[in-house]
Amino acid sequence: MSELEMLKKNLAERAAAEGLLDVSYRLVDSPLGQLLLAATEQGMVRVAFAREGFDTVLDSLAAKVGVRILERRAPLDAAARQLEEYFAHLRSGFELRLDHRLSSGYRLEVQLALPSIAYGHTVSYKELALATGRPAAVRAVGTACATNPLPIVVPCHRVLRSDGGLGGYLGGMDAKRVLLDLEQDPLG
């Protein structure tokens, strides 16, 4: 570790110890490319794909959560490990504390329902609208999935169009295909 990296690490740890840190983040490698993981004291608040622009994501977190954001790996070690296990077919779900403050209303309601879709299974936007008690809210379900701040961990990739088409995905269609294909392979 270089001297500059050590200084950054020490700064982040001191800021956290003194309660001066709003968001900790780290980058992890995955089969989908690099991911940005971010957490608050309440839990994981964001998973972002490189295509979103990490600087843009961090700017958004500063505006919505707080400006005191530093790279700090430790609070995201469990998330990084569980994502690695998921991609290695060793995990079918996540056991992480989540901070859902970036969503509200019906979007949050839909996002809270997403983990009930079993690993390796899919539902349609229409089926999810029915499951949440709002059968006419198909487009709102699509919006909730498209704005999910915790993709992969909160599995919006398991929601498809009624005709079986993929629909959209924050990480791109290739990422959605990779995740769906990954879940078709049995867990080792």
N, C-alpha and C. Protein backbone atom coordinates (compact mmCIF):
# COMPACT_ATOMS: atom_id res chain seq x y z
N MET A 1 0.85 -1.18 0.00
CA MET A 1 0.00 0.00 0.00
C MET A 1 0.90 1.24 0.00
N SER A 2 0.63 2.16 -0.92
CA SER A 2 1.44 3.37 -1.02
C SER A 2 1.16 4.28 0.18
N GLU A 3 2.00 5.26 0.36
CA GLU A 3 1.83 6.21 1.46
C GLU A 3 0.52 6.99 1.31
N LEU A 4 0.19 7.38 0.07
CA LEU A 4 -1.06 8.10 -0.17
C LEU A 4 -2.27 7.23 0.17
N GLU A 5 -2.24 5.96 -0.25
CA GLU A 5 -3.34 5.05 0.06
C GLU A 5 -3.48 4.87 1.56
N MET A 6 -2.36 4.78 2.27
CA MET A 6 -2.38 4.63 3.72
C MET A 6 -2.99 5.88 4.38
N LEU A 7 -2.63 7.06 3.88
CA LEU A 7 -3.20 8.31 4.41
C LEU A 7 -4.71 8.35 4.18
N LYS A 8 -5.17 7.97 2.99
CA LYS A 8 -6.60 7.94 2.70
C LYS A 8 -7.33 6.97 3.62
N LYS A 9 -6.73 5.81 3.83
CA LYS A 9 -7.35 4.81 4.70
C LYS A 9 -7.45 5.34 6.13
N ASN A 10 -6.38 5.93 6.62
CA ASN A 10 -6.38 6.48 7.97
C ASN A 10 -7.40 7.60 8.12
N LEU A 11 -7.50 8.46 7.12
CA LEU A 11 -8.49 9.54 7.14
C LEU A 11 -9.90 8.98 7.21
N ALA A 12 -10.19 7.99 6.39
CA ALA A 12 -11.52 7.40 6.37
C ALA A 12 -11.85 6.74 7.70
N GLU A 13 -10.90 6.01 8.28
CA GLU A 13 -11.14 5.34 9.56
C GLU A 13 -11.34 6.36 10.68
N ARG A 14 -10.57 7.43 10.67
CA ARG A 14 -10.71 8.46 11.69
C ARG A 14 -12.06 9.17 11.55
N ALA A 15 -12.43 9.51 10.32
CA ALA A 15 -13.72 10.17 10.08
C ALA A 15 -14.87 9.28 10.56
N ALA A 16 -14.78 7.98 10.28
CA ALA A 16 -15.83 7.05 10.72
C ALA A 16 -15.87 6.98 12.24
N ALA A 17 -14.71 6.88 12.88
CA ALA A 17 -14.65 6.78 14.33
C ALA A 17 -15.24 8.02 15.01
N GLU A 18 -15.11 9.17 14.36
CA GLU A 18 -15.62 10.42 14.94
C GLU A 18 -17.03 10.76 14.46
N GLY A 19 -17.66 9.83 13.75
CA GLY A 19 -19.03 10.05 13.28
C GLY A 19 -19.14 11.11 12.20
N LEU A 20 -18.09 11.26 11.42
CA LEU A 20 -18.04 12.30 10.39
C LEU A 20 -18.15 11.74 8.98
N LEU A 21 -18.71 10.56 8.85
CA LEU A 21 -18.78 9.92 7.54
C LEU A 21 -20.24 9.56 7.24
N ASP A 22 -20.75 10.05 6.11
CA ASP A 22 -22.12 9.75 5.71
C ASP A 22 -22.19 8.45 4.91
N VAL A 23 -21.22 8.25 4.01
CA VAL A 23 -21.23 7.09 3.12
C VAL A 23 -19.81 6.55 2.96
N SER A 24 -19.69 5.24 3.11
CA SER A 24 -18.44 4.53 2.80
C SER A 24 -18.67 3.82 1.47
N TYR A 25 -17.62 3.75 0.65
CA TYR A 25 -17.77 3.03 -0.61
C TYR A 25 -16.50 2.28 -0.95
N ARG A 26 -16.66 1.32 -1.82
CA ARG A 26 -15.51 0.58 -2.37
C ARG A 26 -15.89 0.06 -3.74
N LEU A 27 -14.89 -0.27 -4.52
CA LEU A 27 -15.08 -0.87 -5.84
C LEU A 27 -14.73 -2.35 -5.75
N VAL A 28 -15.50 -3.17 -6.45
CA VAL A 28 -15.22 -4.60 -6.51
C VAL A 28 -15.32 -5.05 -7.96
N ASP A 29 -14.54 -6.06 -8.29
CA ASP A 29 -14.61 -6.64 -9.63
C ASP A 29 -15.68 -7.73 -9.64
N SER A 30 -16.33 -7.89 -10.77
CA SER A 30 -17.36 -8.91 -10.93
C SER A 30 -17.40 -9.35 -12.38
N PRO A 31 -18.12 -10.41 -12.69
CA PRO A 31 -18.29 -10.80 -14.10
C PRO A 31 -19.02 -9.74 -14.92
N LEU A 32 -19.64 -8.78 -14.26
CA LEU A 32 -20.35 -7.70 -14.95
C LEU A 32 -19.48 -6.45 -15.07
N GLY A 33 -18.22 -6.57 -14.71
CA GLY A 33 -17.33 -5.42 -14.67
C GLY A 33 -17.26 -4.90 -13.24
N GLN A 34 -16.62 -3.76 -13.10
CA GLN A 34 -16.47 -3.19 -11.77
C GLN A 34 -17.81 -2.68 -11.23
N LEU A 35 -18.04 -2.92 -9.95
CA LEU A 35 -19.22 -2.43 -9.26
C LEU A 35 -18.80 -1.50 -8.14
N LEU A 36 -19.59 -0.48 -7.89
CA LEU A 36 -19.39 0.38 -6.74
C LEU A 36 -20.40 -0.05 -5.69
N LEU A 37 -19.92 -0.31 -4.48
CA LEU A 37 -20.76 -0.64 -3.35
C LEU A 37 -20.69 0.52 -2.37
N ALA A 38 -21.82 0.95 -1.84
CA ALA A 38 -21.84 2.07 -0.90
C ALA A 38 -22.73 1.71 0.28
N ALA A 39 -22.32 2.18 1.47
CA ALA A 39 -23.07 1.89 2.69
C ALA A 39 -23.09 3.10 3.61
N THR A 40 -24.16 3.18 4.38
CA THR A 40 -24.27 4.14 5.47
C THR A 40 -24.17 3.34 6.77
N GLU A 41 -24.31 4.00 7.88
CA GLU A 41 -24.33 3.29 9.16
C GLU A 41 -25.52 2.32 9.23
N GLN A 42 -26.61 2.62 8.51
CA GLN A 42 -27.81 1.77 8.55
C GLN A 42 -27.65 0.52 7.69
N GLY A 43 -26.80 0.55 6.68
CA GLY A 43 -26.61 -0.62 5.84
C GLY A 43 -26.24 -0.22 4.41
N MET A 44 -26.20 -1.22 3.56
CA MET A 44 -25.84 -0.99 2.16
C MET A 44 -26.92 -0.14 1.50
N VAL A 45 -26.48 0.93 0.84
CA VAL A 45 -27.42 1.88 0.27
C VAL A 45 -27.41 1.89 -1.26
N ARG A 46 -26.31 1.39 -1.87
CA ARG A 46 -26.21 1.49 -3.33
C ARG A 46 -25.27 0.45 -3.88
N VAL A 47 -25.67 -0.13 -5.01
CA VAL A 47 -24.81 -0.95 -5.87
C VAL A 47 -24.88 -0.27 -7.23
N ALA A 48 -23.74 0.05 -7.81
CA ALA A 48 -23.75 0.77 -9.09
C ALA A 48 -22.84 0.07 -10.10
N PHE A 49 -23.29 0.09 -11.34
CA PHE A 49 -22.52 -0.46 -12.46
C PHE A 49 -21.63 0.64 -13.04
N ALA A 50 -20.51 0.25 -13.62
CA ALA A 50 -19.58 1.22 -14.20
C ALA A 50 -20.26 2.07 -15.27
N ARG A 51 -21.20 1.52 -16.00
CA ARG A 51 -21.87 2.27 -17.07
C ARG A 51 -22.65 3.47 -16.54
N GLU A 52 -22.99 3.45 -15.23
CA GLU A 52 -23.70 4.58 -14.62
C GLU A 52 -22.78 5.77 -14.37
N GLY A 53 -21.47 5.51 -14.37
CA GLY A 53 -20.49 6.54 -14.04
C GLY A 53 -20.35 6.67 -12.53
N PHE A 54 -19.29 6.14 -11.98
CA PHE A 54 -19.14 6.13 -10.53
C PHE A 54 -19.12 7.54 -9.94
N ASP A 55 -18.51 8.49 -10.63
CA ASP A 55 -18.52 9.88 -10.12
C ASP A 55 -19.95 10.42 -10.06
N THR A 56 -20.75 10.09 -11.07
CA THR A 56 -22.15 10.53 -11.08
C THR A 56 -22.92 9.90 -9.92
N VAL A 57 -22.68 8.63 -9.67
CA VAL A 57 -23.34 7.94 -8.55
C VAL A 57 -22.93 8.55 -7.23
N LEU A 58 -21.63 8.82 -7.06
CA LEU A 58 -21.17 9.42 -5.81
C LEU A 58 -21.73 10.83 -5.63
N ASP A 59 -21.85 11.58 -6.72
CA ASP A 59 -22.47 12.92 -6.65
C ASP A 59 -23.93 12.80 -6.21
N SER A 60 -24.63 11.82 -6.74
CA SER A 60 -26.03 11.60 -6.37
C SER A 60 -26.14 11.22 -4.89
N LEU A 61 -25.25 10.35 -4.42
CA LEU A 61 -25.26 9.99 -3.00
C LEU A 61 -24.98 11.21 -2.12
N ALA A 62 -24.07 12.07 -2.57
CA ALA A 62 -23.78 13.29 -1.81
C ALA A 62 -25.02 14.17 -1.70
N ALA A 63 -25.77 14.26 -2.78
CA ALA A 63 -26.98 15.10 -2.79
C ALA A 63 -28.11 14.49 -1.97
N LYS A 64 -28.22 13.16 -1.98
CA LYS A 64 -29.37 12.51 -1.34
C LYS A 64 -29.11 11.98 0.07
N VAL A 65 -27.84 11.69 0.38
CA VAL A 65 -27.52 11.09 1.67
C VAL A 65 -26.66 12.03 2.52
N GLY A 66 -25.59 12.54 1.94
CA GLY A 66 -24.68 13.42 2.66
C GLY A 66 -23.37 13.54 1.92
N VAL A 67 -22.71 14.66 2.09
CA VAL A 67 -21.50 14.95 1.31
C VAL A 67 -20.24 14.31 1.85
N ARG A 68 -20.31 13.77 3.05
CA ARG A 68 -19.10 13.18 3.65
C ARG A 68 -18.98 11.73 3.19
N ILE A 69 -18.32 11.55 2.04
CA ILE A 69 -18.19 10.25 1.39
C ILE A 69 -16.72 9.95 1.21
N LEU A 70 -16.31 8.79 1.69
CA LEU A 70 -14.92 8.38 1.54
C LEU A 70 -14.85 6.90 1.18
N GLU A 71 -13.80 6.55 0.46
CA GLU A 71 -13.55 5.14 0.17
C GLU A 71 -13.13 4.47 1.46
N ARG A 72 -13.88 3.44 1.82
CA ARG A 72 -13.61 2.71 3.07
C ARG A 72 -14.12 1.29 2.87
N ARG A 73 -13.20 0.36 2.80
CA ARG A 73 -13.53 -1.01 2.42
C ARG A 73 -14.25 -1.80 3.50
N ALA A 74 -13.82 -1.67 4.74
CA ALA A 74 -14.27 -2.54 5.83
C ALA A 74 -15.79 -2.65 5.96
N PRO A 75 -16.55 -1.55 5.93
CA PRO A 75 -18.00 -1.70 6.10
C PRO A 75 -18.67 -2.48 4.97
N LEU A 76 -17.95 -2.69 3.88
CA LEU A 76 -18.53 -3.38 2.73
C LEU A 76 -17.88 -4.74 2.48
N ASP A 77 -17.09 -5.22 3.44
CA ASP A 77 -16.44 -6.52 3.28
C ASP A 77 -17.46 -7.64 3.12
N ALA A 78 -18.50 -7.65 3.96
CA ALA A 78 -19.51 -8.71 3.87
C ALA A 78 -20.22 -8.67 2.53
N ALA A 79 -20.57 -7.48 2.06
CA ALA A 79 -21.24 -7.34 0.77
C ALA A 79 -20.34 -7.84 -0.36
N ALA A 80 -19.08 -7.45 -0.32
CA ALA A 80 -18.14 -7.89 -1.36
C ALA A 80 -18.00 -9.41 -1.36
N ARG A 81 -17.88 -10.00 -0.15
CA ARG A 81 -17.74 -11.45 -0.04
C ARG A 81 -19.00 -12.15 -0.54
N GLN A 82 -20.18 -11.66 -0.16
CA GLN A 82 -21.42 -12.30 -0.58
C GLN A 82 -21.64 -12.17 -2.09
N LEU A 83 -21.27 -11.05 -2.67
CA LEU A 83 -21.36 -10.92 -4.14
C LEU A 83 -20.41 -11.91 -4.82
N GLU A 84 -19.21 -12.04 -4.29
CA GLU A 84 -18.24 -13.00 -4.85
C GLU A 84 -18.81 -14.42 -4.77
N GLU A 85 -19.42 -14.77 -3.64
CA GLU A 85 -20.02 -16.09 -3.48
C GLU A 85 -21.20 -16.28 -4.44
N TYR A 86 -21.99 -15.25 -4.62
CA TYR A 86 -23.12 -15.31 -5.55
C TYR A 86 -22.62 -15.60 -6.97
N PHE A 87 -21.62 -14.87 -7.41
CA PHE A 87 -21.09 -15.07 -8.77
C PHE A 87 -20.38 -16.41 -8.92
N ALA A 88 -19.92 -17.00 -7.81
CA ALA A 88 -19.25 -18.30 -7.84
C ALA A 88 -20.24 -19.45 -7.65
N HIS A 89 -21.55 -19.16 -7.67
CA HIS A 89 -22.61 -20.17 -7.49
C HIS A 89 -22.59 -20.78 -6.09
N LEU A 90 -22.15 -20.03 -5.10
CA LEU A 90 -22.11 -20.52 -3.73
C LEU A 90 -23.20 -19.89 -2.86
N ARG A 91 -23.95 -18.96 -3.41
CA ARG A 91 -24.95 -18.22 -2.65
C ARG A 91 -26.11 -17.89 -3.56
N SER A 92 -27.34 -18.04 -3.03
CA SER A 92 -28.53 -17.73 -3.82
C SER A 92 -29.26 -16.48 -3.34
N GLY A 93 -28.88 -15.97 -2.19
CA GLY A 93 -29.49 -14.77 -1.65
C GLY A 93 -28.50 -14.03 -0.78
N PHE A 94 -28.88 -12.85 -0.34
CA PHE A 94 -27.97 -12.01 0.41
C PHE A 94 -28.48 -11.79 1.83
N GLU A 95 -27.56 -11.77 2.75
CA GLU A 95 -27.87 -11.52 4.16
C GLU A 95 -27.12 -10.27 4.59
N LEU A 96 -27.64 -9.14 4.18
CA LEU A 96 -26.99 -7.86 4.44
C LEU A 96 -28.01 -6.89 5.03
N ARG A 97 -27.56 -6.01 5.88
CA ARG A 97 -28.41 -4.91 6.31
C ARG A 97 -28.50 -3.94 5.15
N LEU A 98 -29.70 -3.49 4.84
CA LEU A 98 -29.90 -2.58 3.71
C LEU A 98 -30.48 -1.26 4.20
N ASP A 99 -30.05 -0.19 3.58
CA ASP A 99 -30.58 1.15 3.84
C ASP A 99 -31.39 1.52 2.60
N HIS A 100 -32.70 1.58 2.75
CA HIS A 100 -33.60 1.81 1.62
C HIS A 100 -33.98 3.28 1.45
N ARG A 101 -33.21 4.20 1.97
CA ARG A 101 -33.60 5.61 1.95
C ARG A 101 -33.66 6.23 0.56
N LEU A 102 -33.08 5.60 -0.45
CA LEU A 102 -33.10 6.16 -1.80
C LEU A 102 -34.41 5.87 -2.54
N SER A 103 -35.28 5.11 -1.92
CA SER A 103 -36.58 4.79 -2.52
C SER A 103 -37.68 5.09 -1.51
N SER A 104 -38.88 5.35 -2.04
CA SER A 104 -40.02 5.59 -1.16
C SER A 104 -41.31 5.21 -1.88
N GLY A 105 -42.40 5.23 -1.16
CA GLY A 105 -43.71 4.97 -1.74
C GLY A 105 -43.80 3.61 -2.40
N TYR A 106 -44.50 3.57 -3.51
CA TYR A 106 -44.72 2.31 -4.21
C TYR A 106 -43.42 1.72 -4.75
N ARG A 107 -42.49 2.57 -5.14
CA ARG A 107 -41.19 2.05 -5.60
C ARG A 107 -40.54 1.20 -4.51
N LEU A 108 -40.55 1.72 -3.30
CA LEU A 108 -39.98 0.98 -2.17
C LEU A 108 -40.76 -0.30 -1.92
N GLU A 109 -42.08 -0.22 -1.99
CA GLU A 109 -42.92 -1.40 -1.78
C GLU A 109 -42.54 -2.51 -2.77
N VAL A 110 -42.38 -2.15 -4.03
CA VAL A 110 -41.98 -3.13 -5.05
C VAL A 110 -40.59 -3.67 -4.75
N GLN A 111 -39.64 -2.79 -4.43
CA GLN A 111 -38.27 -3.22 -4.16
C GLN A 111 -38.19 -4.14 -2.94
N LEU A 112 -39.04 -3.91 -1.96
CA LEU A 112 -39.06 -4.79 -0.79
C LEU A 112 -39.66 -6.16 -1.14
N ALA A 113 -40.47 -6.22 -2.18
CA ALA A 113 -41.06 -7.50 -2.62
C ALA A 113 -40.11 -8.32 -3.49
N LEU A 114 -39.14 -7.69 -4.10
CA LEU A 114 -38.26 -8.38 -5.05
C LEU A 114 -37.51 -9.58 -4.47
N PRO A 115 -36.99 -9.51 -3.23
CA PRO A 115 -36.28 -10.69 -2.70
C PRO A 115 -37.15 -11.92 -2.54
N SER A 116 -38.47 -11.78 -2.62
CA SER A 116 -39.33 -12.95 -2.52
C SER A 116 -39.35 -13.77 -3.82
N ILE A 117 -38.79 -13.23 -4.89
CA ILE A 117 -38.68 -13.99 -6.15
C ILE A 117 -37.49 -14.93 -5.99
N ALA A 118 -37.75 -16.20 -6.01
CA ALA A 118 -36.71 -17.20 -5.73
C ALA A 118 -35.59 -17.17 -6.76
N TYR A 119 -34.42 -17.49 -6.30
CA TYR A 119 -33.23 -17.66 -7.14
C TYR A 119 -33.56 -18.61 -8.28
N GLY A 120 -33.21 -18.23 -9.50
CA GLY A 120 -33.45 -19.09 -10.65
C GLY A 120 -34.85 -18.99 -11.22
N HIS A 121 -35.70 -18.16 -10.63
CA HIS A 121 -37.07 -17.98 -11.10
C HIS A 121 -37.26 -16.54 -11.57
N THR A 122 -38.29 -16.35 -12.36
CA THR A 122 -38.64 -15.00 -12.81
C THR A 122 -40.14 -14.79 -12.65
N VAL A 123 -40.54 -13.54 -12.62
CA VAL A 123 -41.95 -13.16 -12.66
C VAL A 123 -42.07 -12.02 -13.67
N SER A 124 -43.28 -11.78 -14.11
CA SER A 124 -43.49 -10.65 -15.02
C SER A 124 -43.78 -9.39 -14.21
N TYR A 125 -43.64 -8.26 -14.87
CA TYR A 125 -43.99 -6.99 -14.23
C TYR A 125 -45.46 -7.05 -13.78
N LYS A 126 -46.31 -7.67 -14.62
CA LYS A 126 -47.74 -7.78 -14.30
C LYS A 126 -47.95 -8.65 -13.05
N GLU A 127 -47.26 -9.77 -12.98
CA GLU A 127 -47.38 -10.65 -11.81
C GLU A 127 -46.93 -9.95 -10.53
N LEU A 128 -45.89 -9.16 -10.64
CA LEU A 128 -45.40 -8.43 -9.47
C LEU A 128 -46.38 -7.34 -9.06
N ALA A 129 -47.01 -6.70 -10.04
CA ALA A 129 -48.04 -5.70 -9.73
C ALA A 129 -49.20 -6.38 -8.99
N LEU A 130 -49.60 -7.54 -9.44
CA LEU A 130 -50.66 -8.30 -8.76
C LEU A 130 -50.22 -8.69 -7.35
N ALA A 131 -49.00 -9.15 -7.21
CA ALA A 131 -48.49 -9.58 -5.90
C ALA A 131 -48.43 -8.43 -4.90
N THR A 132 -48.26 -7.23 -5.38
CA THR A 132 -48.21 -6.07 -4.48
C THR A 132 -49.59 -5.45 -4.30
N GLY A 133 -50.62 -6.09 -4.85
CA GLY A 133 -51.98 -5.62 -4.64
C GLY A 133 -52.40 -4.46 -5.52
N ARG A 134 -51.64 -4.20 -6.57
CA ARG A 134 -51.98 -3.11 -7.49
C ARG A 134 -51.90 -3.62 -8.93
N PRO A 135 -52.88 -4.37 -9.37
CA PRO A 135 -52.81 -5.01 -10.69
C PRO A 135 -52.66 -4.04 -11.87
N ALA A 136 -53.07 -2.81 -11.72
CA ALA A 136 -52.95 -1.84 -12.81
C ALA A 136 -51.61 -1.12 -12.81
N ALA A 137 -50.75 -1.41 -11.86
CA ALA A 137 -49.50 -0.66 -11.69
C ALA A 137 -48.31 -1.30 -12.41
N VAL A 138 -48.54 -1.91 -13.55
CA VAL A 138 -47.48 -2.61 -14.28
C VAL A 138 -46.34 -1.66 -14.63
N ARG A 139 -46.67 -0.48 -15.16
CA ARG A 139 -45.61 0.48 -15.52
C ARG A 139 -44.86 0.97 -14.28
N ALA A 140 -45.59 1.14 -13.17
CA ALA A 140 -44.95 1.58 -11.93
C ALA A 140 -43.98 0.51 -11.41
N VAL A 141 -44.33 -0.76 -11.60
CA VAL A 141 -43.41 -1.84 -11.23
C VAL A 141 -42.14 -1.73 -12.08
N GLY A 142 -42.31 -1.48 -13.38
CA GLY A 142 -41.14 -1.31 -14.25
C GLY A 142 -40.27 -0.17 -13.80
N THR A 143 -40.88 0.93 -13.41
CA THR A 143 -40.12 2.09 -12.92
C THR A 143 -39.40 1.75 -11.62
N ALA A 144 -40.08 1.04 -10.74
CA ALA A 144 -39.45 0.64 -9.47
C ALA A 144 -38.23 -0.24 -9.71
N CYS A 145 -38.33 -1.14 -10.67
CA CYS A 145 -37.19 -2.00 -11.00
C CYS A 145 -36.07 -1.20 -11.65
N ALA A 146 -36.44 -0.28 -12.54
CA ALA A 146 -35.44 0.52 -13.25
C ALA A 146 -34.70 1.48 -12.33
N THR A 147 -35.31 1.84 -11.21
CA THR A 147 -34.67 2.79 -10.28
C THR A 147 -34.18 2.10 -9.01
N ASN A 148 -34.14 0.79 -9.01
CA ASN A 148 -33.68 0.03 -7.84
C ASN A 148 -32.22 0.41 -7.54
N PRO A 149 -31.95 1.01 -6.37
CA PRO A 149 -30.59 1.41 -6.05
C PRO A 149 -29.70 0.26 -5.60
N LEU A 150 -30.28 -0.93 -5.44
CA LEU A 150 -29.51 -2.08 -4.94
C LEU A 150 -29.63 -3.28 -5.88
N PRO A 151 -29.35 -3.07 -7.19
CA PRO A 151 -29.47 -4.20 -8.11
C PRO A 151 -28.56 -5.35 -7.70
N ILE A 152 -28.88 -6.51 -8.14
CA ILE A 152 -28.26 -7.80 -7.82
C ILE A 152 -28.67 -8.23 -6.42
N VAL A 153 -28.37 -7.41 -5.41
CA VAL A 153 -28.70 -7.73 -4.02
C VAL A 153 -30.22 -7.76 -3.84
N VAL A 154 -30.91 -6.80 -4.41
CA VAL A 154 -32.37 -6.77 -4.47
C VAL A 154 -32.69 -7.11 -5.92
N PRO A 155 -33.08 -8.37 -6.19
CA PRO A 155 -33.01 -8.95 -7.54
C PRO A 155 -34.07 -8.50 -8.55
N CYS A 156 -33.98 -7.27 -8.98
CA CYS A 156 -34.90 -6.77 -10.01
C CYS A 156 -34.65 -7.42 -11.36
N HIS A 157 -33.48 -8.05 -11.53
CA HIS A 157 -33.18 -8.74 -12.80
C HIS A 157 -34.11 -9.94 -13.02
N ARG A 158 -34.81 -10.38 -11.98
CA ARG A 158 -35.71 -11.53 -12.09
C ARG A 158 -37.10 -11.15 -12.59
N VAL A 159 -37.30 -9.89 -12.94
CA VAL A 159 -38.59 -9.42 -13.42
C VAL A 159 -38.51 -9.20 -14.94
N LEU A 160 -39.44 -9.83 -15.66
CA LEU A 160 -39.43 -9.80 -17.13
C LEU A 160 -40.75 -9.25 -17.65
N ARG A 161 -40.76 -8.94 -18.92
CA ARG A 161 -42.02 -8.54 -19.57
C ARG A 161 -42.96 -9.74 -19.64
N SER A 162 -44.25 -9.48 -19.79
CA SER A 162 -45.26 -10.57 -19.85
C SER A 162 -45.04 -11.48 -21.04
N ASP A 163 -44.44 -10.96 -22.12
CA ASP A 163 -44.18 -11.78 -23.30
C ASP A 163 -42.87 -12.56 -23.19
N GLY A 164 -42.23 -12.49 -22.03
CA GLY A 164 -40.96 -13.19 -21.82
C GLY A 164 -39.74 -12.38 -22.19
N GLY A 165 -39.95 -11.18 -22.78
CA GLY A 165 -38.82 -10.31 -23.10
C GLY A 165 -38.15 -9.82 -21.83
N LEU A 166 -36.90 -9.43 -21.97
CA LEU A 166 -36.13 -9.05 -20.79
C LEU A 166 -36.60 -7.76 -20.13
N GLY A 167 -37.16 -6.84 -20.90
CA GLY A 167 -37.46 -5.52 -20.33
C GLY A 167 -36.16 -4.75 -20.18
N GLY A 168 -36.12 -3.77 -19.32
CA GLY A 168 -34.91 -2.98 -19.13
C GLY A 168 -34.11 -3.44 -17.93
N TYR A 169 -32.92 -2.84 -17.78
CA TYR A 169 -32.08 -3.13 -16.61
C TYR A 169 -31.04 -2.03 -16.47
N LEU A 170 -30.87 -1.55 -15.26
CA LEU A 170 -29.93 -0.48 -14.96
C LEU A 170 -28.51 -0.82 -15.43
N GLY A 171 -28.14 -2.07 -15.30
CA GLY A 171 -26.80 -2.50 -15.70
C GLY A 171 -26.67 -2.84 -17.17
N GLY A 172 -27.77 -2.72 -17.91
CA GLY A 172 -27.76 -3.05 -19.34
C GLY A 172 -28.30 -4.44 -19.57
N MET A 173 -28.72 -4.67 -20.79
CA MET A 173 -29.33 -5.95 -21.14
C MET A 173 -28.35 -7.11 -21.04
N ASP A 174 -27.09 -6.87 -21.40
CA ASP A 174 -26.11 -7.95 -21.28
C ASP A 174 -25.94 -8.39 -19.83
N ALA A 175 -25.93 -7.43 -18.91
CA ALA A 175 -25.80 -7.76 -17.49
C ALA A 175 -27.00 -8.56 -17.01
N LYS A 176 -28.20 -8.17 -17.44
CA LYS A 176 -29.41 -8.89 -17.03
C LYS A 176 -29.35 -10.33 -17.54
N ARG A 177 -28.92 -10.52 -18.79
CA ARG A 177 -28.79 -11.88 -19.34
C ARG A 177 -27.78 -12.71 -18.54
N VAL A 178 -26.64 -12.09 -18.21
CA VAL A 178 -25.62 -12.80 -17.45
C VAL A 178 -26.18 -13.26 -16.11
N LEU A 179 -26.90 -12.37 -15.41
CA LEU A 179 -27.46 -12.73 -14.11
C LEU A 179 -28.50 -13.83 -14.23
N LEU A 180 -29.38 -13.73 -15.21
CA LEU A 180 -30.40 -14.77 -15.40
C LEU A 180 -29.76 -16.10 -15.77
N ASP A 181 -28.75 -16.07 -16.65
CA ASP A 181 -28.05 -17.30 -17.04
C ASP A 181 -27.31 -17.90 -15.85
N LEU A 182 -26.67 -17.05 -15.05
CA LEU A 182 -25.94 -17.50 -13.87
C LEU A 182 -26.88 -18.27 -12.93
N GLU A 183 -28.10 -17.76 -12.78
CA GLU A 183 -29.04 -18.38 -11.86
C GLU A 183 -29.67 -19.65 -12.42
N GLN A 184 -29.47 -19.94 -13.70
CA GLN A 184 -29.98 -21.18 -14.26
C GLN A 184 -29.04 -22.35 -13.97
N ASP A 185 -27.79 -22.03 -13.63
CA ASP A 185 -26.83 -23.07 -13.26
C ASP A 185 -27.06 -23.43 -11.79
N PRO A 186 -27.04 -24.71 -11.46
CA PRO A 186 -27.28 -25.10 -10.08
C PRO A 186 -26.17 -24.58 -9.15
N LEU A 187 -26.56 -24.31 -7.93
CA LEU A 187 -25.58 -23.90 -6.93
C LEU A 187 -24.67 -25.06 -6.63
N GLY A 188 -23.37 -24.76 -6.50
CA GLY A 188 -22.41 -25.80 -6.23
C GLY A 188 -22.35 -26.07 -4.82
